[in-house]
């Protein structure tokens, strides 16, 4: 039997990344319903980029689960991109909730 790397982390990243994409899309749709101004424009674009990060993370974790080769590498990239997405989403929330912009 082959010694396949343990990719349990990918099993957690995949559903959570997909959930975060949904959260980003929901907030974008709420922002679209508000009167247009520069702050709402920036929130919209920042969350769209964040949604893209979470989508890439989900795809990499899926590849990590499905493929036998380069599993650990895909999982590490998925983890790093997921963390970047979480940090950027937190920064977006702090910046715009305290009206720093």
C-alpha atoms as a PDB file:
ATOM      1  CA  UNK A   1       0.000   0.000   0.000  1.00  0.00           C
ATOM      2  CA  UNK A   2       1.207   3.477  -0.905  1.00  0.00           C
ATOM      3  CA  UNK A   3       2.087   5.980   1.756  1.00  0.00           C
ATOM      4  CA  UNK A   4      -0.179   8.833   0.723  1.00  0.00           C
ATOM      5  CA  UNK A   5       0.334  12.149   2.529  1.00  0.00           C
ATOM      6  CA  UNK A   6      -2.366  13.029   5.035  1.00  0.00           C
ATOM      7  CA  UNK A   7      -4.460  15.798   3.492  1.00  0.00           C
ATOM      8  CA  UNK A   8      -7.006  16.247   6.261  1.00  0.00           C
ATOM      9  CA  UNK A   9      -6.378  19.974   6.209  1.00  0.00           C
ATOM     10  CA  UNK A  10      -7.724  20.131   2.655  1.00  0.00           C
ATOM     11  CA  UNK A  11     -10.946  18.545   3.860  1.00  0.00           C
ATOM     12  CA  UNK A  12     -11.384  21.568   6.133  1.00  0.00           C
ATOM     13  CA  UNK A  13     -10.168  24.238   3.727  1.00  0.00           C
ATOM     14  CA  UNK A  14     -12.490  23.223   0.877  1.00  0.00           C
ATOM     15  CA  UNK A  15     -15.869  23.745   2.595  1.00  0.00           C
ATOM     16  CA  UNK A  16     -14.688  26.780   4.531  1.00  0.00           C
ATOM     17  CA  UNK A  17     -13.310  28.463   1.406  1.00  0.00           C
ATOM     18  CA  UNK A  18     -16.574  27.830  -0.391  1.00  0.00           C
ATOM     19  CA  UNK A  19     -18.477  29.313   2.546  1.00  0.00           C
ATOM     20  CA  UNK A  20     -16.255  32.393   2.540  1.00  0.00           C
ATOM     21  CA  UNK A  21     -16.903  32.888  -1.188  1.00  0.00           C
ATOM     22  CA  UNK A  22     -20.606  32.904  -0.335  1.00  0.00           C
ATOM     23  CA  UNK A  23     -20.054  35.424   2.458  1.00  0.00           C
ATOM     24  CA  UNK A  24     -18.125  37.706   0.093  1.00  0.00           C
ATOM     25  CA  UNK A  25     -20.848  37.475  -2.552  1.00  0.00           C
ATOM     26  CA  UNK A  26     -23.550  38.202   0.031  1.00  0.00           C
ATOM     27  CA  UNK A  27     -21.756  41.314   1.310  1.00  0.00           C
ATOM     28  CA  UNK A  28     -21.098  42.466  -2.267  1.00  0.00           C
ATOM     29  CA  UNK A  29     -24.810  42.160  -3.041  1.00  0.00           C
ATOM     30  CA  UNK A  30     -25.682  44.153   0.099  1.00  0.00           C
ATOM     31  CA  UNK A  31     -23.166  46.866  -0.831  1.00  0.00           C
ATOM     32  CA  UNK A  32     -24.584  47.035  -4.376  1.00  0.00           C
ATOM     33  CA  UNK A  33     -27.956  47.956  -2.877  1.00  0.00           C
ATOM     34  CA  UNK A  34     -26.518  51.006  -1.099  1.00  0.00           C
ATOM     35  CA  UNK A  35     -26.118  54.449  -2.634  1.00  0.00           C
ATOM     36  CA  UNK A  36     -22.965  54.527  -4.799  1.00  0.00           C
ATOM     37  CA  UNK A  37     -19.925  56.293  -3.406  1.00  0.00           C
ATOM     38  CA  UNK A  38     -16.183  55.693  -3.249  1.00  0.00           C
ATOM     39  CA  UNK A  39     -16.288  53.654  -0.024  1.00  0.00           C
ATOM     40  CA  UNK A  40     -18.889  51.250  -1.379  1.00  0.00           C
ATOM     41  CA  UNK A  41     -16.927  50.998  -4.617  1.00  0.00           C
ATOM     42  CA  UNK A  42     -13.779  50.052  -2.675  1.00  0.00           C
ATOM     43  CA  UNK A  43     -15.620  47.520  -0.500  1.00  0.00           C
ATOM     44  CA  UNK A  44     -17.090  45.951  -3.621  1.00  0.00           C
ATOM     45  CA  UNK A  45     -13.729  45.586  -5.373  1.00  0.00           C
ATOM     46  CA  UNK A  46     -11.822  44.440  -2.277  1.00  0.00           C
ATOM     47  CA  UNK A  47     -14.360  41.713  -1.539  1.00  0.00           C
ATOM     48  CA  UNK A  48     -14.373  40.608  -5.179  1.00  0.00           C
ATOM     49  CA  UNK A  49     -10.605  40.065  -4.972  1.00  0.00           C
ATOM     50  CA  UNK A  50     -11.039  38.319  -1.618  1.00  0.00           C
ATOM     51  CA  UNK A  51     -13.669  36.059  -3.153  1.00  0.00           C
ATOM     52  CA  UNK A  52     -11.202  35.160  -5.881  1.00  0.00           C
ATOM     53  CA  UNK A  53      -8.595  34.220  -3.249  1.00  0.00           C
ATOM     54  CA  UNK A  54     -11.074  31.925  -1.499  1.00  0.00           C
ATOM     55  CA  UNK A  55     -12.050  30.340  -4.836  1.00  0.00           C
ATOM     56  CA  UNK A  56      -8.402  29.621  -5.669  1.00  0.00           C
ATOM     57  CA  UNK A  57      -7.926  28.164  -2.191  1.00  0.00           C
ATOM     58  CA  UNK A  58     -10.963  25.914  -2.653  1.00  0.00           C
ATOM     59  CA  UNK A  59      -9.725  24.716  -6.046  1.00  0.00           C
ATOM     60  CA  UNK A  60      -6.257  23.943  -4.704  1.00  0.00           C
ATOM     61  CA  UNK A  61      -7.647  22.037  -1.745  1.00  0.00           C
ATOM     62  CA  UNK A  62      -9.914  20.088  -4.102  1.00  0.00           C
ATOM     63  CA  UNK A  63      -6.910  19.213  -6.266  1.00  0.00           C
ATOM     64  CA  UNK A  64      -5.036  18.180  -3.139  1.00  0.00           C
ATOM     65  CA  UNK A  65      -7.812  15.749  -2.257  1.00  0.00           C
ATOM     66  CA  UNK A  66      -8.310  14.370  -5.766  1.00  0.00           C
ATOM     67  CA  UNK A  67      -4.775  14.090  -7.123  1.00  0.00           C
ATOM     68  CA  UNK A  68      -2.153  11.703  -5.860  1.00  0.00           C
ATOM     69  CA  UNK A  69       0.810  13.711  -7.126  1.00  0.00           C
ATOM     70  CA  UNK A  70       1.781  17.041  -5.593  1.00  0.00           C
ATOM     71  CA  UNK A  71      -0.895  16.644  -2.920  1.00  0.00           C
ATOM     72  CA  UNK A  72       1.133  18.264  -0.165  1.00  0.00           C
ATOM     73  CA  UNK A  73       2.169  21.174  -2.384  1.00  0.00           C
ATOM     74  CA  UNK A  74      -1.444  21.937  -3.370  1.00  0.00           C
ATOM     75  CA  UNK A  75      -2.514  21.680   0.261  1.00  0.00           C
ATOM     76  CA  UNK A  76       0.175  24.113   1.415  1.00  0.00           C
ATOM     77  CA  UNK A  77      -0.753  26.641  -1.279  1.00  0.00           C
ATOM     78  CA  UNK A  78      -4.443  26.265  -0.430  1.00  0.00           C
ATOM     79  CA  UNK A  79      -3.647  26.904   3.220  1.00  0.00           C
ATOM     80  CA  UNK A  80      -1.503  29.974   2.521  1.00  0.00           C
ATOM     81  CA  UNK A  81      -4.047  31.528   0.157  1.00  0.00           C
ATOM     82  CA  UNK A  82      -6.876  30.779   2.596  1.00  0.00           C
ATOM     83  CA  UNK A  83      -4.988  32.576   5.377  1.00  0.00           C
ATOM     84  CA  UNK A  84      -4.296  35.547   3.074  1.00  0.00           C
ATOM     85  CA  UNK A  85      -8.026  35.660   2.270  1.00  0.00           C
ATOM     86  CA  UNK A  86      -8.983  35.606   5.948  1.00  0.00           C
ATOM     87  CA  UNK A  87      -6.478  38.305   6.857  1.00  0.00           C
ATOM     88  CA  UNK A  88      -7.562  40.506   3.955  1.00  0.00           C
ATOM     89  CA  UNK A  89     -11.243  40.056   4.843  1.00  0.00           C
ATOM     90  CA  UNK A  90     -10.494  41.070   8.425  1.00  0.00           C
ATOM     91  CA  UNK A  91      -8.548  44.104   7.248  1.00  0.00           C
ATOM     92  CA  UNK A  92     -11.410  45.083   4.922  1.00  0.00           C
ATOM     93  CA  UNK A  93     -13.875  44.816   7.809  1.00  0.00           C
ATOM     94  CA  UNK A  94     -11.733  46.878  10.179  1.00  0.00           C
ATOM     95  CA  UNK A  95     -10.870  49.561   7.619  1.00  0.00           C
ATOM     96  CA  UNK A  96     -14.429  50.115   6.506  1.00  0.00           C
ATOM     97  CA  UNK A  97     -16.183  49.661   9.849  1.00  0.00           C
ATOM     98  CA  UNK A  98     -13.972  52.285  11.458  1.00  0.00           C
ATOM     99  CA  UNK A  99     -14.235  54.392   8.297  1.00  0.00           C
ATOM    100  CA  UNK A 100     -10.483  54.636   7.914  1.00  0.00           C
ATOM    101  CA  UNK A 101     -10.946  55.160   4.165  1.00  0.00           C
END
